[in-house]
């Protein structure tokens, strides 16, 4: 508890203090991590835009040396079934100026825990070929994983989830916390099974996603009948209206129970949010989560063994307010906080062996 001072005491302490002079012990620790020496830091609107203002390292591939968490863009939306435009998502999120460096609920400064870099966008051989693009994504993310680095991706449509999971779950199937309006476990349509409505069916069939350690939260809309595979495979499905019915803390407890102590991937589709909060997406569904609920869910995942994550389906041209990109950037920052803690815990465990 911060000491409450009288006016003369406030004048004595703060009249000549700079913005970087913080006297409360807990707040002072954070300020030192953020400011270092003095009270100066780069203006958020200066410099080259990067994801979460992280150092821009497009030259990091293929070794990804000196990095613990890699932020990457995946500007590809060849798998959409409705409105295109998520290819512009990574650029929109990079243009968000003010997210972090402190997370007040988790009380975290992740860049003080781990080495973070924006490693640029996945290089695609073709802007026209969906299957080729998925191969490119898998190869790029596989190199990140092989380097012992945690991948956090910004899409792009949700079809990118399949090649990412093929890379992250190659050695053992992972669990997943999936926050979305749609289960994305549909089958082949019009001769293609790699669209954004089916990545997680194929990931289970490929043996890289454990359905019994998968929970899908925020589900709603007119496509419910397409998601039979989720129920048949043993996934846990929580509809958007059930989040209010059960309560946020109960949903968090259920998510933690489902994924357990094993490695878990977190996938966040911005259409999980009601269009009032995130209209800039290709398949909006009314009746969704609020941004506060979504952040509360993510913060409730603290301590899980998170090995990767994504935020997808940001189509900025449908949102003149830029709110969708702002929410996506904040979600990415929450994922960074969670991943930084998990990475540190794994590193500490290896040191103690």
Protein backbone atom coordinates (compact mmCIF):
# COMPACT_ATOMS: atom_id res chain seq x y z
CA UNK A 1 0.00 0.00 0.00
CA UNK A 2 1.42 3.37 -1.03
CA UNK A 3 1.86 5.81 1.83
CA UNK A 4 -0.63 8.71 1.82
CA UNK A 5 1.14 12.05 2.33
CA UNK A 6 0.00 15.48 3.42
CA UNK A 7 0.43 18.48 1.11
CA UNK A 8 3.71 19.69 2.60
CA UNK A 9 5.10 16.17 2.37
CA UNK A 10 3.91 15.85 -1.23
CA UNK A 11 5.63 19.13 -2.09
CA UNK A 12 8.87 18.03 -0.44
CA UNK A 13 8.91 14.71 -2.28
CA UNK A 14 7.51 15.53 -5.71
CA UNK A 15 8.05 19.20 -6.54
CA UNK A 16 11.51 18.62 -8.01
CA UNK A 17 10.97 14.98 -9.03
CA UNK A 18 11.07 13.88 -12.66
CA UNK A 19 8.66 11.46 -14.30
CA UNK A 20 11.19 8.71 -13.77
CA UNK A 21 11.47 9.27 -10.00
CA UNK A 22 9.22 6.63 -8.47
CA UNK A 23 9.33 6.18 -4.69
CA UNK A 24 7.06 3.21 -4.02
CA UNK A 25 9.30 0.10 -3.95
CA UNK A 26 7.10 -2.00 -6.25
CA UNK A 27 6.47 0.79 -8.77
CA UNK A 28 10.14 1.76 -8.60
CA UNK A 29 11.20 -1.72 -9.71
CA UNK A 30 8.99 -1.42 -12.78
CA UNK A 31 10.21 2.10 -13.58
CA UNK A 32 13.82 0.93 -13.50
CA UNK A 33 13.01 -1.87 -15.92
CA UNK A 34 11.21 0.53 -18.27
CA UNK A 35 13.36 3.65 -18.05
CA UNK A 36 16.76 2.36 -16.99
CA UNK A 37 18.68 5.48 -16.03
CA UNK A 38 16.84 8.80 -16.19
CA UNK A 39 13.34 9.51 -17.46
CA UNK A 40 13.90 9.36 -21.22
CA UNK A 41 12.57 6.82 -23.71
CA UNK A 42 11.81 6.91 -27.41
CA UNK A 43 8.52 8.52 -28.40
CA UNK A 44 6.09 5.77 -29.44
CA UNK A 45 5.41 7.42 -32.80
CA UNK A 46 9.10 7.57 -33.78
CA UNK A 47 11.20 5.02 -35.59
CA UNK A 48 10.31 2.12 -37.86
CA UNK A 49 7.05 0.40 -36.83
CA UNK A 50 7.49 -3.10 -35.44
CA UNK A 51 5.35 -5.54 -33.52
CA UNK A 52 5.10 -4.26 -29.93
CA UNK A 53 7.99 -1.88 -30.68
CA UNK A 54 10.36 -4.84 -30.45
CA UNK A 55 13.75 -4.66 -32.18
CA UNK A 56 13.22 -5.35 -35.88
CA UNK A 57 15.29 -8.38 -36.92
CA UNK A 58 14.24 -9.55 -40.39
CA UNK A 59 17.78 -10.89 -40.76
CA UNK A 60 17.36 -13.31 -37.85
CA UNK A 61 16.34 -16.31 -39.97
CA UNK A 62 17.26 -19.10 -40.16
CA UNK A 63 19.28 -19.33 -36.92
CA UNK A 64 17.22 -16.89 -34.79
CA UNK A 65 20.22 -16.48 -32.49
CA UNK A 66 19.95 -14.25 -29.44
CA UNK A 67 16.13 -14.42 -29.38
CA UNK A 68 13.82 -16.12 -26.88
CA UNK A 69 10.44 -15.02 -28.30
CA UNK A 70 9.96 -14.26 -32.00
CA UNK A 71 7.13 -12.00 -33.12
CA UNK A 72 6.30 -12.58 -36.78
CA UNK A 73 3.83 -11.43 -39.37
CA UNK A 74 1.98 -13.82 -41.67
CA UNK A 75 0.32 -11.59 -44.30
CA UNK A 76 -1.68 -14.27 -46.10
CA UNK A 77 -5.45 -14.55 -46.54
CA UNK A 78 -5.87 -17.03 -49.39
CA UNK A 79 -7.98 -19.28 -47.14
CA UNK A 80 -10.90 -16.93 -46.37
CA UNK A 81 -14.51 -17.86 -47.08
CA UNK A 82 -15.95 -14.35 -46.78
CA UNK A 83 -14.29 -10.93 -46.80
CA UNK A 84 -10.59 -10.85 -47.66
CA UNK A 85 -8.13 -8.35 -46.20
CA UNK A 86 -6.42 -10.13 -43.30
CA UNK A 87 -3.21 -9.99 -45.32
CA UNK A 88 -2.97 -6.42 -44.06
CA UNK A 89 -3.24 -7.47 -40.41
CA UNK A 90 0.48 -7.59 -39.52
CA UNK A 91 1.07 -4.12 -40.95
CA UNK A 92 -1.90 -2.70 -39.02
CA UNK A 93 -0.68 -4.21 -35.74
CA UNK A 94 2.83 -2.88 -36.33
CA UNK A 95 1.34 0.60 -36.66
CA UNK A 96 -0.15 0.49 -33.14
CA UNK A 97 2.06 2.84 -31.16
CA UNK A 98 1.28 2.36 -27.48
CA UNK A 99 1.09 -1.17 -26.06
CA UNK A 100 3.24 -2.16 -23.08
CA UNK A 101 5.90 -2.33 -21.85
CA UNK A 102 4.08 -2.93 -18.51
CA UNK A 103 1.07 -5.23 -17.93
CA UNK A 104 -0.65 -3.97 -14.79
CA UNK A 105 -2.74 -7.07 -14.00
CA UNK A 106 0.04 -9.61 -14.50
CA UNK A 107 2.52 -7.04 -13.12
CA UNK A 108 4.90 -7.97 -15.90
CA UNK A 109 7.54 -6.30 -18.04
CA UNK A 110 8.16 -9.20 -20.45
CA UNK A 111 11.05 -7.55 -22.29
CA UNK A 112 12.92 -7.57 -18.98
CA UNK A 113 12.47 -11.35 -18.73
CA UNK A 114 13.23 -12.54 -22.25
CA UNK A 115 14.86 -11.39 -25.48
CA UNK A 116 12.12 -10.38 -27.92
CA UNK A 117 12.39 -9.45 -31.59
CA UNK A 118 10.11 -8.80 -34.54
CA UNK A 119 11.64 -11.18 -37.07
CA UNK A 120 9.62 -9.78 -39.96
CA UNK A 121 7.11 -11.54 -42.20
CA UNK A 122 7.13 -15.09 -43.46
CA UNK A 123 8.67 -14.95 -46.95
CA UNK A 124 6.22 -16.41 -49.45
CA UNK A 125 7.23 -17.89 -52.79
CA UNK A 126 3.82 -17.14 -54.27
CA UNK A 127 1.02 -14.74 -53.37
CA UNK A 128 -1.46 -16.97 -55.24
CA UNK A 129 -0.85 -20.54 -54.03
CA UNK A 130 -2.47 -21.51 -50.69
CA UNK A 131 -0.74 -24.89 -50.32
CA UNK A 132 2.64 -23.37 -51.15
CA UNK A 133 2.04 -20.58 -48.65
CA UNK A 134 1.25 -23.11 -45.91
CA UNK A 135 4.51 -24.92 -46.68
CA UNK A 136 6.38 -21.62 -46.37
CA UNK A 137 4.75 -20.89 -43.01
CA UNK A 138 5.53 -24.33 -41.65
CA UNK A 139 9.18 -24.11 -42.72
CA UNK A 140 9.67 -20.66 -41.22
CA UNK A 141 8.01 -21.49 -37.90
CA UNK A 142 9.79 -24.86 -37.75
CA UNK A 143 13.13 -23.03 -37.88
CA UNK A 144 12.01 -20.80 -35.01
CA UNK A 145 10.96 -23.81 -32.92
CA UNK A 146 14.18 -25.70 -33.76
CA UNK A 147 16.15 -22.74 -32.40
CA UNK A 148 14.35 -23.07 -29.06
CA UNK A 149 12.44 -19.84 -29.67
CA UNK A 150 8.73 -19.27 -28.96
CA UNK A 151 6.74 -18.15 -32.04
CA UNK A 152 3.99 -15.53 -31.62
CA UNK A 153 2.32 -14.80 -34.94
CA UNK A 154 0.07 -12.09 -36.34
CA UNK A 155 -2.14 -13.11 -39.25
CA UNK A 156 -3.35 -13.46 -41.77
CA UNK A 157 -6.43 -15.71 -41.90
CA UNK A 158 -6.92 -18.62 -39.51
CA UNK A 159 -5.80 -21.23 -42.02
CA UNK A 160 -2.27 -20.36 -40.87
CA UNK A 161 -3.02 -22.31 -37.69
CA UNK A 162 -2.46 -25.64 -39.43
CA UNK A 163 1.12 -25.09 -40.66
CA UNK A 164 2.02 -23.41 -37.36
CA UNK A 165 0.72 -26.37 -35.35
CA UNK A 166 2.53 -28.77 -37.68
CA UNK A 167 5.74 -27.00 -36.68
CA UNK A 168 4.97 -26.50 -32.97
CA UNK A 169 3.45 -29.97 -32.47
CA UNK A 170 5.88 -31.95 -34.58
CA UNK A 171 7.65 -33.64 -31.66
CA UNK A 172 4.45 -34.17 -29.59
CA UNK A 173 0.84 -33.06 -29.98
CA UNK A 174 0.07 -29.87 -28.08
CA UNK A 175 -3.05 -28.73 -26.28
CA UNK A 176 -4.78 -25.56 -27.37
CA UNK A 177 -6.80 -22.70 -25.95
CA UNK A 178 -8.75 -21.37 -28.92
CA UNK A 179 -10.72 -18.13 -28.56
CA UNK A 180 -12.93 -17.62 -31.59
CA UNK A 181 -16.50 -17.24 -32.89
CA UNK A 182 -16.00 -20.41 -34.96
CA UNK A 183 -14.59 -23.83 -34.11
CA UNK A 184 -12.71 -24.03 -37.42
CA UNK A 185 -13.01 -27.80 -37.52
CA UNK A 186 -14.94 -28.06 -40.79
CA UNK A 187 -14.14 -30.42 -43.63
CA UNK A 188 -13.25 -29.94 -47.26
CA UNK A 189 -15.20 -27.39 -49.27
CA UNK A 190 -15.06 -27.08 -53.04
CA UNK A 191 -12.08 -29.40 -53.19
CA UNK A 192 -10.01 -27.62 -50.52
CA UNK A 193 -9.44 -28.68 -46.90
CA UNK A 194 -6.92 -25.96 -46.07
CA UNK A 195 -9.34 -23.01 -45.74
CA UNK A 196 -9.68 -20.97 -42.55
CA UNK A 197 -12.74 -22.94 -41.44
CA UNK A 198 -10.90 -26.24 -40.99
CA UNK A 199 -7.31 -25.95 -39.70
CA UNK A 200 -7.91 -27.65 -36.38
CA UNK A 201 -9.66 -30.73 -37.81
CA UNK A 202 -6.63 -31.33 -40.00
CA UNK A 203 -4.20 -30.61 -37.13
CA UNK A 204 -5.86 -33.34 -35.06
CA UNK A 205 -5.82 -35.77 -38.00
CA UNK A 206 -2.13 -34.95 -38.55
CA UNK A 207 -1.40 -35.86 -34.93
CA UNK A 208 -0.04 -32.44 -33.94
CA UNK A 209 -3.04 -31.23 -31.86
CA UNK A 210 -4.51 -33.16 -28.91
CA UNK A 211 -8.28 -32.66 -29.09
CA UNK A 212 -8.89 -33.79 -25.51
CA UNK A 213 -6.54 -31.01 -24.37
CA UNK A 214 -8.26 -28.42 -26.54
CA UNK A 215 -10.88 -25.89 -25.45
CA UNK A 216 -12.72 -23.53 -27.79
CA UNK A 217 -14.23 -20.40 -26.22
CA UNK A 218 -16.64 -17.80 -27.65
CA UNK A 219 -18.26 -20.03 -30.27
CA UNK A 220 -21.51 -18.76 -31.86
CA UNK A 221 -23.22 -18.00 -35.14
CA UNK A 222 -24.93 -19.86 -37.94
CA UNK A 223 -22.18 -22.41 -38.63
CA UNK A 224 -22.66 -24.56 -35.52
CA UNK A 225 -23.66 -27.63 -37.57
CA UNK A 226 -20.27 -27.58 -39.30
CA UNK A 227 -18.36 -28.16 -36.05
CA UNK A 228 -19.33 -31.79 -35.41
CA UNK A 229 -15.65 -32.77 -35.43
CA UNK A 230 -14.97 -30.67 -32.32
CA UNK A 231 -17.49 -32.68 -30.30
CA UNK A 232 -16.66 -36.04 -31.89
CA UNK A 233 -12.93 -35.62 -31.16
CA UNK A 234 -13.44 -34.66 -27.52
CA UNK A 235 -12.75 -30.94 -27.69
CA UNK A 236 -14.41 -28.78 -25.04
CA UNK A 237 -16.65 -26.11 -26.59
CA UNK A 238 -17.87 -23.09 -24.65
CA UNK A 239 -20.28 -20.84 -26.51
CA UNK A 240 -20.19 -17.08 -26.20
CA UNK A 241 -23.44 -16.91 -24.22
CA UNK A 242 -22.09 -19.53 -21.81
CA UNK A 243 -19.22 -17.26 -20.84
CA UNK A 244 -21.74 -14.95 -19.18
CA UNK A 245 -23.79 -17.87 -17.87
CA UNK A 246 -20.86 -19.68 -16.26
CA UNK A 247 -18.82 -16.61 -15.33
CA UNK A 248 -15.34 -15.71 -16.50
CA UNK A 249 -13.51 -17.34 -13.59
CA UNK A 250 -15.33 -20.64 -14.15
CA UNK A 251 -14.36 -20.58 -17.83
CA UNK A 252 -10.74 -19.92 -16.89
CA UNK A 253 -10.79 -22.81 -14.42
CA UNK A 254 -12.21 -25.08 -17.11
CA UNK A 255 -9.57 -24.01 -19.62
CA UNK A 256 -6.77 -24.71 -17.15
CA UNK A 257 -8.32 -28.08 -16.29
CA UNK A 258 -8.60 -29.10 -19.95
CA UNK A 259 -5.06 -28.23 -21.02
CA UNK A 260 -3.40 -29.34 -17.78
CA UNK A 261 0.36 -29.10 -17.29
CA UNK A 262 1.45 -30.01 -20.81
CA UNK A 263 2.54 -27.74 -23.63
CA UNK A 264 -0.25 -25.51 -24.90
CA UNK A 265 -0.77 -23.25 -27.89
CA UNK A 266 -3.05 -20.19 -27.70
CA UNK A 267 -4.94 -19.11 -30.82
CA UNK A 268 -6.98 -15.90 -30.78
CA UNK A 269 -9.28 -14.91 -33.63
CA UNK A 270 -10.42 -11.28 -33.37
CA UNK A 271 -13.89 -12.32 -34.49
CA UNK A 272 -14.27 -13.88 -31.04
CA UNK A 273 -15.04 -10.30 -30.03
CA UNK A 274 -18.37 -8.69 -30.72
CA UNK A 275 -18.12 -6.48 -33.83
CA UNK A 276 -18.78 -3.51 -31.54
CA UNK A 277 -15.23 -4.03 -30.28
CA UNK A 278 -13.57 -5.46 -33.41
CA UNK A 279 -15.42 -4.78 -36.67
CA UNK A 280 -12.27 -5.17 -38.77
CA UNK A 281 -12.50 -8.86 -39.56
CA UNK A 282 -13.66 -11.05 -42.41
CA UNK A 283 -16.40 -13.05 -40.69
CA UNK A 284 -17.96 -10.91 -37.95
CA UNK A 285 -20.53 -12.50 -35.62
CA UNK A 286 -22.73 -10.42 -33.31
CA UNK A 287 -23.14 -11.45 -29.69
CA UNK A 288 -19.45 -11.96 -28.99
CA UNK A 289 -17.03 -11.36 -26.16
CA UNK A 290 -16.09 -7.91 -24.96
CA UNK A 291 -12.47 -6.83 -25.11
CA UNK A 292 -12.40 -6.85 -21.29
CA UNK A 293 -13.62 -10.46 -21.20
CA UNK A 294 -11.04 -11.51 -23.75
CA UNK A 295 -8.19 -9.92 -21.83
CA UNK A 296 -9.49 -11.44 -18.60
CA UNK A 297 -9.45 -14.89 -20.19
CA UNK A 298 -5.89 -14.46 -21.39
CA UNK A 299 -4.65 -13.14 -18.07
CA UNK A 300 -6.19 -16.17 -16.40
CA UNK A 301 -3.77 -18.40 -18.30
CA UNK A 302 -0.78 -17.23 -16.29
CA UNK A 303 1.48 -20.11 -15.35
CA UNK A 304 0.52 -22.48 -18.17
CA UNK A 305 3.24 -24.03 -20.34
CA UNK A 306 2.61 -21.86 -23.39
CA UNK A 307 4.80 -22.78 -26.35
CA UNK A 308 3.34 -20.46 -28.99
CA UNK A 309 0.39 -18.36 -29.98
CA UNK A 310 -1.26 -16.21 -32.59
CA UNK A 311 -3.76 -13.44 -33.16
CA UNK A 312 -5.47 -13.65 -36.55
CA UNK A 313 -8.13 -12.37 -38.93
CA UNK A 314 -7.38 -8.64 -38.49
CA UNK A 315 -8.74 -6.99 -41.64
CA UNK A 316 -8.12 -3.30 -40.94
CA UNK A 317 -9.89 -1.86 -43.98
CA UNK A 318 -13.26 -2.72 -42.41
CA UNK A 319 -12.50 -0.67 -39.30
CA UNK A 320 -11.96 3.08 -39.75
CA UNK A 321 -11.51 3.45 -35.98
CA UNK A 322 -8.40 1.16 -35.89
CA UNK A 323 -9.88 -0.44 -32.74
CA UNK A 324 -9.47 -3.96 -34.14
CA UNK A 325 -5.73 -3.52 -34.63
CA UNK A 326 -5.47 -1.93 -31.18
CA UNK A 327 -7.17 -4.93 -29.57
CA UNK A 328 -5.01 -7.33 -31.59
CA UNK A 329 -1.84 -5.57 -30.43
CA UNK A 330 -2.97 -5.79 -26.82
CA UNK A 331 -3.76 -9.50 -27.25
CA UNK A 332 -0.29 -10.02 -28.72
CA UNK A 333 1.20 -8.26 -25.71
CA UNK A 334 -0.77 -10.49 -23.31
CA UNK A 335 0.53 -13.53 -25.20
CA UNK A 336 4.05 -12.16 -24.89
CA UNK A 337 3.65 -11.75 -21.12
CA UNK A 338 2.38 -15.31 -20.75
CA UNK A 339 5.03 -16.75 -23.07
CA UNK A 340 7.84 -14.89 -21.32
CA UNK A 341 6.89 -16.37 -17.98
CA UNK A 342 6.53 -19.85 -19.45
CA UNK A 343 9.87 -19.60 -21.27
CA UNK A 344 11.60 -18.44 -18.07
CA UNK A 345 10.07 -21.32 -16.12
CA UNK A 346 11.23 -23.87 -18.70
CA UNK A 347 14.71 -22.37 -18.77
CA UNK A 348 14.88 -22.45 -14.99
CA UNK A 349 13.78 -26.08 -14.96
CA UNK A 350 16.52 -27.04 -17.41
CA UNK A 351 19.11 -25.26 -15.27
CA UNK A 352 18.00 -27.20 -12.21
CA UNK A 353 18.28 -30.60 -13.89
